[in-house]
């Protein structure tokens, strides 16, 4: 039963968080938990070190750069969805969601140094 169930779970997670079917025209990923993107990135980084395919690394980097350039509020904090939605720009931000930005940029920097 686990053999048939596991692929379905993996497919569900991949298509929910990384999909060719864009849920938003601007981003590759569906961002609803920014800290989870960092956890997901750690997995993509491990996969990249094995297979050398940077497809997922580049997707997160593109979305992260978009958020950094376009989705900051007046205090410099990035919105929860990484999109410049007006209602999100006004909402308070979570430290956990902001800290993941620094970790993602640090991890991207380490990958760039090793290439």
C-alpha atoms as a PDB file:
ATOM      1  CA  UNK A   1       0.000   0.000   0.000  1.00  0.00           C
ATOM      2  CA  UNK A   2       2.838   2.424   0.814  1.00  0.00           C
ATOM      3  CA  UNK A   3       4.379   1.920  -2.646  1.00  0.00           C
ATOM      4  CA  UNK A   4       1.197   3.102  -4.356  1.00  0.00           C
ATOM      5  CA  UNK A   5       0.417   5.840  -1.842  1.00  0.00           C
ATOM      6  CA  UNK A   6       3.856   7.472  -1.707  1.00  0.00           C
ATOM      7  CA  UNK A   7       4.048   8.493  -5.396  1.00  0.00           C
ATOM      8  CA  UNK A   8       0.614  10.104  -5.107  1.00  0.00           C
ATOM      9  CA  UNK A   9       1.740  12.157  -2.114  1.00  0.00           C
ATOM     10  CA  UNK A  10       4.945  13.238  -3.851  1.00  0.00           C
ATOM     11  CA  UNK A  11       3.049  14.234  -6.992  1.00  0.00           C
ATOM     12  CA  UNK A  12       0.537  16.186  -4.905  1.00  0.00           C
ATOM     13  CA  UNK A  13       3.279  18.095  -3.074  1.00  0.00           C
ATOM     14  CA  UNK A  14       5.280  18.842  -6.215  1.00  0.00           C
ATOM     15  CA  UNK A  15       2.249  20.093  -8.129  1.00  0.00           C
ATOM     16  CA  UNK A  16       1.057  22.146  -5.163  1.00  0.00           C
ATOM     17  CA  UNK A  17       4.349  23.927  -4.542  1.00  0.00           C
ATOM     18  CA  UNK A  18       6.003  23.732  -7.958  1.00  0.00           C
ATOM     19  CA  UNK A  19       3.899  23.382 -11.038  1.00  0.00           C
ATOM     20  CA  UNK A  20       3.935  24.229 -14.704  1.00  0.00           C
ATOM     21  CA  UNK A  21       0.357  25.361 -14.135  1.00  0.00           C
ATOM     22  CA  UNK A  22       0.886  28.808 -12.643  1.00  0.00           C
ATOM     23  CA  UNK A  23      -1.426  29.782  -9.843  1.00  0.00           C
ATOM     24  CA  UNK A  24      -0.078  33.279 -10.329  1.00  0.00           C
ATOM     25  CA  UNK A  25       1.399  34.745 -13.506  1.00  0.00           C
ATOM     26  CA  UNK A  26       4.352  36.303 -11.687  1.00  0.00           C
ATOM     27  CA  UNK A  27       5.692  33.478  -9.527  1.00  0.00           C
ATOM     28  CA  UNK A  28       6.767  29.900 -10.272  1.00  0.00           C
ATOM     29  CA  UNK A  29       5.800  28.727  -6.814  1.00  0.00           C
ATOM     30  CA  UNK A  30       2.579  28.960  -4.859  1.00  0.00           C
ATOM     31  CA  UNK A  31       3.739  30.798  -1.740  1.00  0.00           C
ATOM     32  CA  UNK A  32       1.454  30.436   1.247  1.00  0.00           C
ATOM     33  CA  UNK A  33       4.042  29.633   3.918  1.00  0.00           C
ATOM     34  CA  UNK A  34       7.310  31.461   3.172  1.00  0.00           C
ATOM     35  CA  UNK A  35       9.203  29.546   5.873  1.00  0.00           C
ATOM     36  CA  UNK A  36       8.161  26.304   4.181  1.00  0.00           C
ATOM     37  CA  UNK A  37       9.725  27.500   0.938  1.00  0.00           C
ATOM     38  CA  UNK A  38      13.027  27.569   2.818  1.00  0.00           C
ATOM     39  CA  UNK A  39      12.499  24.010   4.059  1.00  0.00           C
ATOM     40  CA  UNK A  40      11.570  22.973   0.516  1.00  0.00           C
ATOM     41  CA  UNK A  41      14.648  24.765  -0.811  1.00  0.00           C
ATOM     42  CA  UNK A  42      16.879  22.683   1.472  1.00  0.00           C
ATOM     43  CA  UNK A  43      15.505  19.583  -0.238  1.00  0.00           C
ATOM     44  CA  UNK A  44      15.972  21.087  -3.682  1.00  0.00           C
ATOM     45  CA  UNK A  45      19.532  22.037  -2.724  1.00  0.00           C
ATOM     46  CA  UNK A  46      20.272  18.456  -1.663  1.00  0.00           C
ATOM     47  CA  UNK A  47      18.810  17.180  -4.938  1.00  0.00           C
ATOM     48  CA  UNK A  48      20.870  19.721  -6.885  1.00  0.00           C
ATOM     49  CA  UNK A  49      24.066  18.465  -5.239  1.00  0.00           C
ATOM     50  CA  UNK A  50      23.206  14.965  -6.485  1.00  0.00           C
ATOM     51  CA  UNK A  51      21.896  15.569 -10.007  1.00  0.00           C
ATOM     52  CA  UNK A  52      23.295  19.037 -10.872  1.00  0.00           C
ATOM     53  CA  UNK A  53      19.928  20.194 -12.240  1.00  0.00           C
ATOM     54  CA  UNK A  54      19.296  23.731 -10.985  1.00  0.00           C
ATOM     55  CA  UNK A  55      15.703  24.010 -12.283  1.00  0.00           C
ATOM     56  CA  UNK A  56      14.124  24.230  -8.816  1.00  0.00           C
ATOM     57  CA  UNK A  57      16.915  26.368  -7.369  1.00  0.00           C
ATOM     58  CA  UNK A  58      16.483  28.894 -10.204  1.00  0.00           C
ATOM     59  CA  UNK A  59      12.681  28.895  -9.775  1.00  0.00           C
ATOM     60  CA  UNK A  60      12.947  29.822  -6.104  1.00  0.00           C
ATOM     61  CA  UNK A  61      15.693  32.348  -6.825  1.00  0.00           C
ATOM     62  CA  UNK A  62      13.541  34.056  -9.457  1.00  0.00           C
ATOM     63  CA  UNK A  63      10.537  34.247  -7.136  1.00  0.00           C
ATOM     64  CA  UNK A  64      12.670  35.423  -4.220  1.00  0.00           C
ATOM     65  CA  UNK A  65      14.205  38.203  -6.304  1.00  0.00           C
ATOM     66  CA  UNK A  66      10.756  39.260  -7.489  1.00  0.00           C
ATOM     67  CA  UNK A  67       9.534  39.426  -3.887  1.00  0.00           C
ATOM     68  CA  UNK A  68      12.609  41.389  -2.806  1.00  0.00           C
ATOM     69  CA  UNK A  69      12.185  43.906  -5.627  1.00  0.00           C
ATOM     70  CA  UNK A  70       8.391  44.258  -5.603  1.00  0.00           C
ATOM     71  CA  UNK A  71       6.737  43.046  -2.422  1.00  0.00           C
ATOM     72  CA  UNK A  72       8.222  45.032   0.451  1.00  0.00           C
ATOM     73  CA  UNK A  73       6.087  47.168   2.729  1.00  0.00           C
ATOM     74  CA  UNK A  74       7.095  50.632   3.980  1.00  0.00           C
ATOM     75  CA  UNK A  75       9.349  49.014   6.609  1.00  0.00           C
ATOM     76  CA  UNK A  76      11.116  46.755   4.118  1.00  0.00           C
ATOM     77  CA  UNK A  77       9.301  43.555   5.119  1.00  0.00           C
ATOM     78  CA  UNK A  78       8.163  41.158   2.400  1.00  0.00           C
ATOM     79  CA  UNK A  79       4.531  40.112   2.103  1.00  0.00           C
ATOM     80  CA  UNK A  80       3.316  36.659   3.074  1.00  0.00           C
ATOM     81  CA  UNK A  81       2.621  35.599  -0.536  1.00  0.00           C
ATOM     82  CA  UNK A  82       5.682  37.359  -2.013  1.00  0.00           C
ATOM     83  CA  UNK A  83       3.265  39.392  -4.141  1.00  0.00           C
ATOM     84  CA  UNK A  84       2.654  43.157  -3.863  1.00  0.00           C
ATOM     85  CA  UNK A  85      -0.984  42.775  -2.840  1.00  0.00           C
ATOM     86  CA  UNK A  86      -2.171  45.994  -1.184  1.00  0.00           C
ATOM     87  CA  UNK A  87      -3.988  44.242   1.648  1.00  0.00           C
ATOM     88  CA  UNK A  88      -0.870  42.175   2.454  1.00  0.00           C
ATOM     89  CA  UNK A  89       1.383  45.216   2.387  1.00  0.00           C
ATOM     90  CA  UNK A  90      -0.666  46.690   5.253  1.00  0.00           C
ATOM     91  CA  UNK A  91      -0.730  43.543   7.408  1.00  0.00           C
ATOM     92  CA  UNK A  92       1.791  42.883  10.200  1.00  0.00           C
ATOM     93  CA  UNK A  93       4.609  40.520   9.209  1.00  0.00           C
ATOM     94  CA  UNK A  94       5.938  37.422  10.976  1.00  0.00           C
ATOM     95  CA  UNK A  95       9.604  37.268  11.900  1.00  0.00           C
ATOM     96  CA  UNK A  96       9.704  33.633  10.766  1.00  0.00           C
ATOM     97  CA  UNK A  97       8.544  34.650   7.280  1.00  0.00           C
ATOM     98  CA  UNK A  98      11.162  37.405   7.128  1.00  0.00           C
ATOM     99  CA  UNK A  99      14.042  35.298   8.476  1.00  0.00           C
ATOM    100  CA  UNK A 100      13.569  32.758   5.715  1.00  0.00           C
ATOM    101  CA  UNK A 101      14.493  35.433   3.168  1.00  0.00           C
ATOM    102  CA  UNK A 102      17.957  35.832   4.718  1.00  0.00           C
ATOM    103  CA  UNK A 103      18.470  32.062   4.833  1.00  0.00           C
ATOM    104  CA  UNK A 104      17.437  31.638   1.201  1.00  0.00           C
ATOM    105  CA  UNK A 105      19.833  34.336   0.024  1.00  0.00           C
ATOM    106  CA  UNK A 106      22.630  32.822   2.149  1.00  0.00           C
ATOM    107  CA  UNK A 107      22.030  29.355   0.696  1.00  0.00           C
ATOM    108  CA  UNK A 108      21.928  30.766  -2.850  1.00  0.00           C
ATOM    109  CA  UNK A 109      25.214  32.526  -2.166  1.00  0.00           C
ATOM    110  CA  UNK A 110      26.867  29.282  -1.010  1.00  0.00           C
ATOM    111  CA  UNK A 111      25.634  27.457  -4.105  1.00  0.00           C
ATOM    112  CA  UNK A 112      27.028  30.257  -6.296  1.00  0.00           C
ATOM    113  CA  UNK A 113      30.411  30.093  -4.592  1.00  0.00           C
ATOM    114  CA  UNK A 114      30.702  26.340  -5.148  1.00  0.00           C
ATOM    115  CA  UNK A 115      29.901  26.503  -8.863  1.00  0.00           C
END
